[in-house]
Amino acid sequence: TATNGAAISTAQSKFGGASALFDGTNDYVSVTNSTDFDFGVGDFTIEYWEYRTVSTNNKPVLSRNNSQYPPYLIGWSNTGNVDFYSSDNGSSWNVASAVSMGSIITNSWTHYAVTRQGNTFRTFQNGTQISTFTSTATLPAGAGALVIGAWLWASGYFFQGYIDEVRVTKGVARYT
């Protein structure tokens, strides 16, 4: 469901001639809550293409739930990087806190991915592994929507630019 003006745009696309456009003000896309987005201790891959139009902080790409510490928050812009955050306790970033997915690149299509294979988490930018760490954490089941283009906790944080080809794969670490 598109909210507050999130729209399909043909101005930019990586594949297929169109992508999702987010103005960075208050728009996002929500995907109905599903166990498909709950990983527990299982392998997974979350990947997407972005065309970020600003390099400012606090611009997320994808979040699970609307809580302060969701199971995962991906593509958060912070001090020149795109970062991955994760919580298994809902009260701190105890699994991953500002784990780099690579540098912010503006006005160019950039691919980012986060994978888990067993207890090994990895992040990638344009096919190059950026970070790796291990954790035995069980990522909790979600209680809300998967949100693309925003993290709706507190007053909300919103992505500015284009997102294309978001793919969530449960049970497979596509990049190792």
N, C-alpha and C. Protein backbone atom coordinates (compact mmCIF):
# COMPACT_ATOMS: atom_id res chain seq x y z
N THR A 1 0.84 -1.18 0.00
CA THR A 1 0.00 0.00 0.00
C THR A 1 0.89 1.24 0.00
N ALA A 2 0.69 2.09 -0.98
CA ALA A 2 1.42 3.36 -1.05
C ALA A 2 0.72 4.39 -0.16
N THR A 3 1.51 5.16 0.59
CA THR A 3 0.97 6.14 1.53
C THR A 3 1.61 7.50 1.29
N ASN A 4 0.80 8.54 1.33
CA ASN A 4 1.25 9.94 1.26
C ASN A 4 2.03 10.29 0.00
N GLY A 5 1.70 9.68 -1.11
CA GLY A 5 2.30 10.08 -2.37
C GLY A 5 3.44 9.22 -2.88
N ALA A 6 3.81 8.15 -2.17
CA ALA A 6 4.79 7.22 -2.75
C ALA A 6 4.20 6.75 -4.07
N ALA A 7 5.02 6.75 -5.12
CA ALA A 7 4.45 6.50 -6.45
C ALA A 7 5.43 5.76 -7.35
N ILE A 8 4.88 5.20 -8.39
CA ILE A 8 5.68 4.62 -9.45
C ILE A 8 6.13 5.76 -10.36
N SER A 9 7.42 5.76 -10.69
CA SER A 9 7.97 6.81 -11.53
C SER A 9 8.75 6.19 -12.68
N THR A 10 8.67 6.81 -13.84
CA THR A 10 9.47 6.38 -14.99
C THR A 10 10.68 7.28 -15.19
N ALA A 11 10.90 8.24 -14.30
CA ALA A 11 12.04 9.15 -14.41
C ALA A 11 13.36 8.42 -14.19
N GLN A 12 13.35 7.41 -13.31
CA GLN A 12 14.53 6.60 -13.03
C GLN A 12 14.10 5.15 -12.86
N SER A 13 14.92 4.23 -13.34
CA SER A 13 14.69 2.82 -13.05
C SER A 13 15.97 2.05 -13.31
N LYS A 14 16.13 0.98 -12.56
CA LYS A 14 17.26 0.09 -12.80
C LYS A 14 16.84 -0.99 -13.79
N PHE A 15 15.64 -1.51 -13.60
CA PHE A 15 15.10 -2.55 -14.48
C PHE A 15 13.64 -2.26 -14.78
N GLY A 16 13.18 -2.56 -15.95
CA GLY A 16 11.76 -2.53 -16.26
C GLY A 16 11.13 -1.19 -16.56
N GLY A 17 11.88 -0.11 -16.55
CA GLY A 17 11.35 1.18 -16.96
C GLY A 17 10.65 2.00 -15.90
N ALA A 18 10.58 1.49 -14.65
CA ALA A 18 9.94 2.26 -13.58
C ALA A 18 10.50 1.83 -12.24
N SER A 19 10.36 2.70 -11.24
CA SER A 19 10.79 2.40 -9.87
C SER A 19 9.87 3.14 -8.91
N ALA A 20 10.05 2.89 -7.63
CA ALA A 20 9.27 3.60 -6.61
C ALA A 20 9.97 4.92 -6.29
N LEU A 21 9.21 5.99 -6.25
CA LEU A 21 9.72 7.32 -5.95
C LEU A 21 9.24 7.74 -4.57
N PHE A 22 10.20 8.22 -3.75
CA PHE A 22 9.91 8.68 -2.40
C PHE A 22 10.45 10.10 -2.26
N ASP A 23 9.63 11.02 -1.73
CA ASP A 23 10.03 12.43 -1.66
C ASP A 23 10.80 12.79 -0.40
N GLY A 24 10.94 11.86 0.55
CA GLY A 24 11.69 12.13 1.77
C GLY A 24 10.94 12.91 2.82
N THR A 25 9.66 13.18 2.57
CA THR A 25 8.87 13.97 3.51
C THR A 25 8.02 13.10 4.43
N ASN A 26 7.16 12.27 3.83
CA ASN A 26 6.27 11.44 4.65
C ASN A 26 5.71 10.24 3.91
N ASP A 27 6.27 9.90 2.77
CA ASP A 27 5.68 8.82 1.99
C ASP A 27 6.44 7.51 2.15
N TYR A 28 5.74 6.42 1.95
CA TYR A 28 6.32 5.08 2.09
C TYR A 28 5.37 4.06 1.49
N VAL A 29 5.85 2.84 1.39
CA VAL A 29 5.05 1.71 0.95
C VAL A 29 5.07 0.68 2.08
N SER A 30 3.90 0.15 2.44
CA SER A 30 3.84 -0.89 3.46
C SER A 30 3.35 -2.19 2.84
N VAL A 31 3.95 -3.27 3.31
CA VAL A 31 3.58 -4.61 2.85
C VAL A 31 2.96 -5.31 4.06
N THR A 32 1.80 -5.87 3.88
CA THR A 32 1.06 -6.51 4.97
C THR A 32 1.94 -7.48 5.76
N ASN A 33 1.76 -7.46 7.07
CA ASN A 33 2.49 -8.35 7.97
C ASN A 33 2.39 -9.80 7.47
N SER A 34 3.53 -10.47 7.45
CA SER A 34 3.58 -11.86 7.00
C SER A 34 4.76 -12.57 7.65
N THR A 35 4.61 -13.84 7.91
CA THR A 35 5.72 -14.62 8.46
C THR A 35 6.85 -14.75 7.44
N ASP A 36 6.60 -14.40 6.18
CA ASP A 36 7.66 -14.41 5.17
C ASP A 36 8.79 -13.45 5.52
N PHE A 37 8.51 -12.47 6.39
CA PHE A 37 9.52 -11.48 6.77
C PHE A 37 10.13 -11.76 8.14
N ASP A 38 9.79 -12.90 8.71
CA ASP A 38 10.32 -13.31 10.02
C ASP A 38 11.35 -14.40 9.79
N PHE A 39 12.57 -14.18 10.29
CA PHE A 39 13.68 -15.08 9.96
C PHE A 39 14.14 -15.97 11.11
N GLY A 40 13.82 -15.61 12.34
CA GLY A 40 14.30 -16.41 13.47
C GLY A 40 15.81 -16.55 13.42
N VAL A 41 16.31 -17.79 13.39
CA VAL A 41 17.75 -18.05 13.26
C VAL A 41 18.09 -18.51 11.84
N GLY A 42 17.13 -18.42 10.95
CA GLY A 42 17.33 -18.93 9.59
C GLY A 42 18.09 -18.00 8.68
N ASP A 43 18.56 -18.59 7.59
CA ASP A 43 19.24 -17.82 6.55
C ASP A 43 18.25 -16.88 5.86
N PHE A 44 18.78 -15.76 5.36
CA PHE A 44 17.95 -14.82 4.60
C PHE A 44 18.82 -13.91 3.76
N THR A 45 18.17 -13.25 2.81
CA THR A 45 18.78 -12.18 2.03
C THR A 45 17.75 -11.07 1.88
N ILE A 46 18.17 -9.85 2.13
CA ILE A 46 17.36 -8.68 1.80
C ILE A 46 18.23 -7.82 0.90
N GLU A 47 17.71 -7.50 -0.27
CA GLU A 47 18.50 -6.71 -1.23
C GLU A 47 17.60 -5.74 -1.98
N TYR A 48 18.23 -4.73 -2.52
CA TYR A 48 17.49 -3.71 -3.25
C TYR A 48 18.46 -2.84 -4.04
N TRP A 49 17.91 -2.11 -4.99
CA TRP A 49 18.64 -1.08 -5.72
C TRP A 49 18.09 0.27 -5.27
N GLU A 50 18.97 1.21 -5.05
CA GLU A 50 18.53 2.56 -4.69
C GLU A 50 19.22 3.59 -5.57
N TYR A 51 18.51 4.68 -5.78
CA TYR A 51 19.03 5.87 -6.45
C TYR A 51 18.75 7.00 -5.47
N ARG A 52 19.66 7.18 -4.53
CA ARG A 52 19.50 8.14 -3.43
C ARG A 52 19.79 9.53 -3.99
N THR A 53 18.90 10.48 -3.72
CA THR A 53 19.08 11.83 -4.27
C THR A 53 19.64 12.82 -3.26
N VAL A 54 19.80 12.40 -2.00
CA VAL A 54 20.43 13.23 -0.97
C VAL A 54 21.35 12.36 -0.13
N SER A 55 22.35 12.98 0.47
CA SER A 55 23.28 12.22 1.31
C SER A 55 23.07 12.51 2.79
N THR A 56 21.96 13.13 3.13
CA THR A 56 21.69 13.49 4.51
C THR A 56 21.42 12.25 5.37
N ASN A 57 21.61 12.41 6.67
CA ASN A 57 21.40 11.33 7.63
C ASN A 57 19.92 11.02 7.82
N ASN A 58 19.66 9.85 8.40
CA ASN A 58 18.33 9.44 8.83
C ASN A 58 17.35 9.17 7.68
N LYS A 59 17.85 8.55 6.63
CA LYS A 59 17.01 8.21 5.48
C LYS A 59 17.05 6.69 5.28
N PRO A 60 16.07 5.94 5.83
CA PRO A 60 16.08 4.48 5.76
C PRO A 60 15.44 3.94 4.49
N VAL A 61 15.80 2.74 4.13
CA VAL A 61 15.21 2.09 2.96
C VAL A 61 14.12 1.10 3.37
N LEU A 62 14.35 0.32 4.42
CA LEU A 62 13.41 -0.74 4.76
C LEU A 62 13.44 -1.01 6.26
N SER A 63 12.27 -1.20 6.85
CA SER A 63 12.19 -1.54 8.26
C SER A 63 11.08 -2.56 8.51
N ARG A 64 11.27 -3.32 9.57
CA ARG A 64 10.27 -4.31 9.99
C ARG A 64 9.65 -3.80 11.27
N ASN A 65 8.36 -3.53 11.28
CA ASN A 65 7.62 -3.00 12.42
C ASN A 65 7.84 -1.50 12.55
N ASN A 66 7.12 -0.92 13.50
CA ASN A 66 7.22 0.52 13.76
C ASN A 66 7.86 0.80 15.10
N SER A 67 8.51 -0.19 15.68
CA SER A 67 9.06 -0.03 17.02
C SER A 67 10.40 0.71 17.01
N GLN A 68 10.84 1.10 18.20
CA GLN A 68 12.11 1.80 18.32
C GLN A 68 13.28 0.91 17.92
N TYR A 69 13.20 -0.38 18.24
CA TYR A 69 14.26 -1.34 17.90
C TYR A 69 13.63 -2.53 17.18
N PRO A 70 13.35 -2.37 15.89
CA PRO A 70 12.73 -3.48 15.15
C PRO A 70 13.73 -4.61 14.90
N PRO A 71 13.25 -5.78 14.47
CA PRO A 71 14.16 -6.88 14.15
C PRO A 71 15.24 -6.46 13.14
N TYR A 72 14.88 -5.60 12.19
CA TYR A 72 15.89 -5.09 11.26
C TYR A 72 15.47 -3.75 10.67
N LEU A 73 16.48 -2.92 10.47
CA LEU A 73 16.37 -1.61 9.84
C LEU A 73 17.52 -1.55 8.85
N ILE A 74 17.20 -1.39 7.58
CA ILE A 74 18.21 -1.54 6.52
C ILE A 74 18.30 -0.27 5.68
N GLY A 75 19.53 0.09 5.34
CA GLY A 75 19.75 1.24 4.47
C GLY A 75 19.67 2.58 5.17
N TRP A 76 19.88 2.60 6.48
CA TRP A 76 19.84 3.84 7.25
C TRP A 76 21.05 4.69 6.91
N SER A 77 20.85 5.93 6.49
CA SER A 77 21.97 6.80 6.16
C SER A 77 22.51 7.45 7.43
N ASN A 78 23.83 7.34 7.60
CA ASN A 78 24.45 7.80 8.84
C ASN A 78 25.91 8.13 8.58
N THR A 79 26.30 9.36 8.77
CA THR A 79 27.69 9.83 8.64
C THR A 79 28.39 9.30 7.39
N GLY A 80 27.73 9.43 6.26
CA GLY A 80 28.34 9.06 4.99
C GLY A 80 28.20 7.61 4.59
N ASN A 81 27.59 6.80 5.45
CA ASN A 81 27.40 5.38 5.14
C ASN A 81 25.93 5.02 5.08
N VAL A 82 25.68 3.88 4.45
CA VAL A 82 24.39 3.21 4.50
C VAL A 82 24.60 2.06 5.48
N ASP A 83 23.76 1.97 6.52
CA ASP A 83 24.00 1.04 7.62
C ASP A 83 22.86 0.05 7.83
N PHE A 84 23.21 -1.04 8.54
CA PHE A 84 22.29 -2.10 8.93
C PHE A 84 22.20 -2.12 10.45
N TYR A 85 20.97 -2.20 10.96
CA TYR A 85 20.72 -2.31 12.39
C TYR A 85 19.80 -3.51 12.62
N SER A 86 19.97 -4.17 13.77
CA SER A 86 19.11 -5.30 14.09
C SER A 86 19.03 -5.49 15.60
N SER A 87 17.85 -5.92 16.04
CA SER A 87 17.63 -6.16 17.47
C SER A 87 16.89 -7.48 17.66
N ASP A 88 17.31 -8.24 18.66
CA ASP A 88 16.55 -9.44 19.00
C ASP A 88 15.79 -9.27 20.31
N ASN A 89 16.00 -8.12 20.99
CA ASN A 89 15.35 -7.93 22.28
C ASN A 89 14.35 -6.77 22.30
N GLY A 90 14.27 -6.00 21.22
CA GLY A 90 13.33 -4.89 21.15
C GLY A 90 13.67 -3.70 22.03
N SER A 91 14.87 -3.71 22.66
CA SER A 91 15.22 -2.60 23.54
C SER A 91 16.61 -2.04 23.28
N SER A 92 17.34 -2.61 22.31
CA SER A 92 18.65 -2.07 21.94
C SER A 92 19.05 -2.66 20.58
N TRP A 93 20.07 -2.06 19.98
CA TRP A 93 20.62 -2.59 18.73
C TRP A 93 21.68 -3.62 19.09
N ASN A 94 21.27 -4.68 19.74
CA ASN A 94 22.21 -5.66 20.30
C ASN A 94 22.72 -6.68 19.27
N VAL A 95 22.09 -6.82 18.13
CA VAL A 95 22.58 -7.74 17.10
C VAL A 95 23.49 -6.99 16.13
N ALA A 96 23.04 -5.85 15.64
CA ALA A 96 23.83 -5.04 14.71
C ALA A 96 23.53 -3.57 14.97
N SER A 97 24.59 -2.78 15.15
CA SER A 97 24.43 -1.35 15.37
C SER A 97 25.37 -0.60 14.44
N ALA A 98 24.79 0.07 13.47
CA ALA A 98 25.56 0.85 12.49
C ALA A 98 26.61 0.00 11.77
N VAL A 99 26.21 -1.19 11.34
CA VAL A 99 27.09 -2.04 10.55
C VAL A 99 27.05 -1.51 9.11
N SER A 100 28.19 -1.12 8.60
CA SER A 100 28.24 -0.48 7.28
C SER A 100 27.83 -1.43 6.15
N MET A 101 27.01 -0.90 5.26
CA MET A 101 26.67 -1.58 4.01
C MET A 101 27.42 -0.93 2.85
N GLY A 102 28.20 0.09 3.15
CA GLY A 102 28.95 0.82 2.14
C GLY A 102 28.68 2.30 2.25
N SER A 103 29.36 3.05 1.42
CA SER A 103 29.22 4.51 1.46
C SER A 103 27.95 4.94 0.74
N ILE A 104 27.47 6.12 1.12
CA ILE A 104 26.32 6.70 0.43
C ILE A 104 26.77 7.15 -0.96
N ILE A 105 26.04 6.73 -1.95
CA ILE A 105 26.28 7.17 -3.32
C ILE A 105 25.00 7.85 -3.79
N THR A 106 25.11 9.07 -4.24
CA THR A 106 23.92 9.79 -4.70
C THR A 106 23.89 9.84 -6.23
N ASN A 107 22.66 9.92 -6.73
CA ASN A 107 22.38 10.11 -8.16
C ASN A 107 23.00 9.03 -9.04
N SER A 108 23.02 7.81 -8.53
CA SER A 108 23.52 6.66 -9.28
C SER A 108 22.88 5.41 -8.70
N TRP A 109 22.54 4.46 -9.53
CA TRP A 109 21.94 3.22 -9.04
C TRP A 109 23.00 2.41 -8.29
N THR A 110 22.67 2.00 -7.08
CA THR A 110 23.57 1.25 -6.22
C THR A 110 22.82 0.06 -5.62
N HIS A 111 23.45 -1.09 -5.65
CA HIS A 111 22.85 -2.31 -5.09
C HIS A 111 23.39 -2.55 -3.69
N TYR A 112 22.49 -2.84 -2.75
CA TYR A 112 22.85 -3.18 -1.38
C TYR A 112 22.19 -4.50 -1.00
N ALA A 113 22.88 -5.27 -0.15
CA ALA A 113 22.31 -6.52 0.33
C ALA A 113 22.80 -6.81 1.74
N VAL A 114 21.94 -7.48 2.50
CA VAL A 114 22.28 -8.03 3.82
C VAL A 114 21.91 -9.50 3.76
N THR A 115 22.84 -10.36 4.21
CA THR A 115 22.56 -11.79 4.23
C THR A 115 22.90 -12.38 5.60
N ARG A 116 22.25 -13.50 5.87
CA ARG A 116 22.63 -14.31 7.03
C ARG A 116 22.77 -15.75 6.54
N GLN A 117 23.91 -16.34 6.86
CA GLN A 117 24.18 -17.74 6.55
C GLN A 117 24.65 -18.39 7.85
N GLY A 118 23.77 -19.20 8.46
CA GLY A 118 24.10 -19.74 9.78
C GLY A 118 24.18 -18.60 10.78
N ASN A 119 25.33 -18.45 11.40
CA ASN A 119 25.54 -17.35 12.36
C ASN A 119 26.33 -16.20 11.77
N THR A 120 26.57 -16.22 10.46
CA THR A 120 27.36 -15.18 9.82
C THR A 120 26.47 -14.22 9.04
N PHE A 121 26.57 -12.95 9.40
CA PHE A 121 25.86 -11.88 8.70
C PHE A 121 26.86 -11.17 7.80
N ARG A 122 26.42 -10.78 6.62
CA ARG A 122 27.28 -10.04 5.69
C ARG A 122 26.49 -8.90 5.05
N THR A 123 27.19 -7.82 4.73
CA THR A 123 26.58 -6.74 3.97
C THR A 123 27.38 -6.55 2.68
N PHE A 124 26.69 -6.08 1.65
CA PHE A 124 27.31 -5.91 0.33
C PHE A 124 26.86 -4.61 -0.30
N GLN A 125 27.78 -4.01 -1.05
CA GLN A 125 27.47 -2.86 -1.90
C GLN A 125 28.00 -3.17 -3.28
N ASN A 126 27.12 -3.14 -4.28
CA ASN A 126 27.48 -3.42 -5.67
C ASN A 126 28.31 -4.71 -5.81
N GLY A 127 27.92 -5.74 -5.06
CA GLY A 127 28.56 -7.04 -5.17
C GLY A 127 29.84 -7.22 -4.37
N THR A 128 30.28 -6.18 -3.69
CA THR A 128 31.49 -6.27 -2.88
C THR A 128 31.10 -6.39 -1.41
N GLN A 129 31.66 -7.39 -0.73
CA GLN A 129 31.36 -7.54 0.69
C GLN A 129 31.97 -6.37 1.45
N ILE A 130 31.15 -5.73 2.27
CA ILE A 130 31.59 -4.57 3.05
C ILE A 130 31.86 -4.95 4.49
N SER A 131 30.94 -5.68 5.12
CA SER A 131 31.06 -6.03 6.53
C SER A 131 30.67 -7.47 6.76
N THR A 132 31.19 -8.04 7.83
CA THR A 132 30.78 -9.37 8.28
C THR A 132 30.87 -9.42 9.80
N PHE A 133 29.95 -10.14 10.41
CA PHE A 133 29.99 -10.36 11.84
C PHE A 133 29.20 -11.62 12.14
N THR A 134 29.40 -12.17 13.31
CA THR A 134 28.66 -13.37 13.69
C THR A 134 27.75 -13.08 14.87
N SER A 135 26.63 -13.79 14.90
CA SER A 135 25.68 -13.69 15.99
C SER A 135 24.80 -14.94 15.98
N THR A 136 24.47 -15.42 17.15
CA THR A 136 23.54 -16.55 17.29
C THR A 136 22.12 -16.06 17.56
N ALA A 137 21.89 -14.78 17.42
CA ALA A 137 20.61 -14.17 17.76
C ALA A 137 19.45 -14.77 16.98
N THR A 138 18.31 -14.83 17.63
CA THR A 138 17.05 -15.18 16.99
C THR A 138 16.32 -13.88 16.71
N LEU A 139 16.14 -13.55 15.44
CA LEU A 139 15.41 -12.33 15.10
C LEU A 139 13.93 -12.58 15.35
N PRO A 140 13.28 -11.75 16.14
CA PRO A 140 11.90 -12.01 16.55
C PRO A 140 10.90 -11.84 15.40
N ALA A 141 9.76 -12.46 15.58
CA ALA A 141 8.67 -12.30 14.61
C ALA A 141 8.17 -10.87 14.66
N GLY A 142 7.75 -10.39 13.53
CA GLY A 142 7.25 -9.04 13.44
C GLY A 142 5.81 -8.94 13.93
N ALA A 143 5.44 -7.73 14.29
CA ALA A 143 4.08 -7.47 14.74
C ALA A 143 3.41 -6.42 13.87
N GLY A 144 4.08 -6.05 12.79
CA GLY A 144 3.53 -5.02 11.91
C GLY A 144 4.03 -5.21 10.50
N ALA A 145 3.76 -4.24 9.70
CA ALA A 145 4.09 -4.30 8.28
C ALA A 145 5.59 -4.24 8.02
N LEU A 146 5.98 -4.68 6.85
CA LEU A 146 7.30 -4.41 6.31
C LEU A 146 7.15 -3.06 5.60
N VAL A 147 8.01 -2.11 5.93
CA VAL A 147 7.87 -0.76 5.40
C VAL A 147 9.05 -0.44 4.50
N ILE A 148 8.76 0.01 3.29
CA ILE A 148 9.78 0.39 2.32
C ILE A 148 9.76 1.91 2.20
N GLY A 149 10.94 2.51 2.35
CA GLY A 149 11.06 3.96 2.22
C GLY A 149 10.88 4.72 3.52
N ALA A 150 10.77 4.00 4.64
CA ALA A 150 10.59 4.71 5.91
C ALA A 150 10.86 3.80 7.10
N TRP A 151 11.11 4.44 8.22
CA TRP A 151 11.09 3.83 9.55
C TRP A 151 10.11 4.68 10.32
N LEU A 152 8.97 4.13 10.68
CA LEU A 152 7.86 4.91 11.20
C LEU A 152 7.89 5.12 12.71
N TRP A 153 8.98 4.78 13.35
CA TRP A 153 9.08 5.01 14.78
C TRP A 153 9.15 6.51 15.07
N ALA A 154 8.61 6.92 16.21
CA ALA A 154 8.58 8.31 16.64
C ALA A 154 7.89 9.15 15.57
N SER A 155 8.53 10.20 15.12
CA SER A 155 7.90 11.07 14.12
C SER A 155 8.08 10.54 12.72
N GLY A 156 8.91 9.54 12.56
CA GLY A 156 9.12 8.93 11.25
C GLY A 156 10.34 9.48 10.55
N TYR A 157 10.98 8.59 9.83
CA TYR A 157 12.16 8.93 9.03
C TYR A 157 11.90 8.40 7.62
N PHE A 158 12.22 9.21 6.60
CA PHE A 158 11.77 8.89 5.25
C PHE A 158 12.90 8.98 4.23
N PHE A 159 12.95 8.00 3.35
CA PHE A 159 13.93 7.92 2.28
C PHE A 159 13.61 8.95 1.20
N GLN A 160 14.65 9.49 0.58
CA GLN A 160 14.45 10.42 -0.54
C GLN A 160 15.20 9.89 -1.75
N GLY A 161 14.45 9.57 -2.79
CA GLY A 161 15.03 9.05 -4.02
C GLY A 161 14.17 7.94 -4.59
N TYR A 162 14.83 7.01 -5.29
CA TYR A 162 14.14 5.93 -5.97
C TYR A 162 14.62 4.58 -5.43
N ILE A 163 13.71 3.63 -5.33
CA ILE A 163 14.05 2.27 -4.93
C ILE A 163 13.48 1.32 -5.97
N ASP A 164 14.28 0.34 -6.35
CA ASP A 164 13.85 -0.63 -7.36
C ASP A 164 14.27 -2.04 -6.94
N GLU A 165 13.48 -3.00 -7.32
CA GLU A 165 13.82 -4.42 -7.17
C GLU A 165 14.14 -4.82 -5.73
N VAL A 166 13.28 -4.48 -4.79
CA VAL A 166 13.42 -4.98 -3.42
C VAL A 166 13.12 -6.48 -3.46
N ARG A 167 14.03 -7.27 -2.88
CA ARG A 167 13.81 -8.72 -2.83
C ARG A 167 14.16 -9.23 -1.45
N VAL A 168 13.21 -9.90 -0.82
CA VAL A 168 13.40 -10.52 0.49
C VAL A 168 13.31 -12.03 0.27
N THR A 169 14.38 -12.72 0.63
CA THR A 169 14.45 -14.17 0.45
C THR A 169 14.62 -14.82 1.81
N LYS A 170 13.65 -15.59 2.22
CA LYS A 170 13.70 -16.31 3.48
C LYS A 170 14.26 -17.71 3.22
N GLY A 171 15.27 -18.10 3.99
CA GLY A 171 15.81 -19.45 3.89
C GLY A 171 17.05 -19.58 3.02
N VAL A 172 17.48 -18.49 2.38
CA VAL A 172 18.64 -18.55 1.48
C VAL A 172 19.50 -17.31 1.66
N ALA A 173 20.80 -17.52 1.89
CA ALA A 173 21.77 -16.42 1.85
C ALA A 173 22.31 -16.41 0.42
N ARG A 174 21.82 -15.50 -0.40
CA ARG A 174 22.16 -15.49 -1.83
C ARG A 174 23.62 -15.09 -2.09
N TYR A 175 24.18 -14.29 -1.21
CA TYR A 175 25.56 -13.83 -1.39
C TYR A 175 26.37 -14.22 -0.16
N THR A 176 27.45 -14.95 -0.38
CA THR A 176 28.26 -15.41 0.75
C THR A 176 29.72 -15.15 0.48
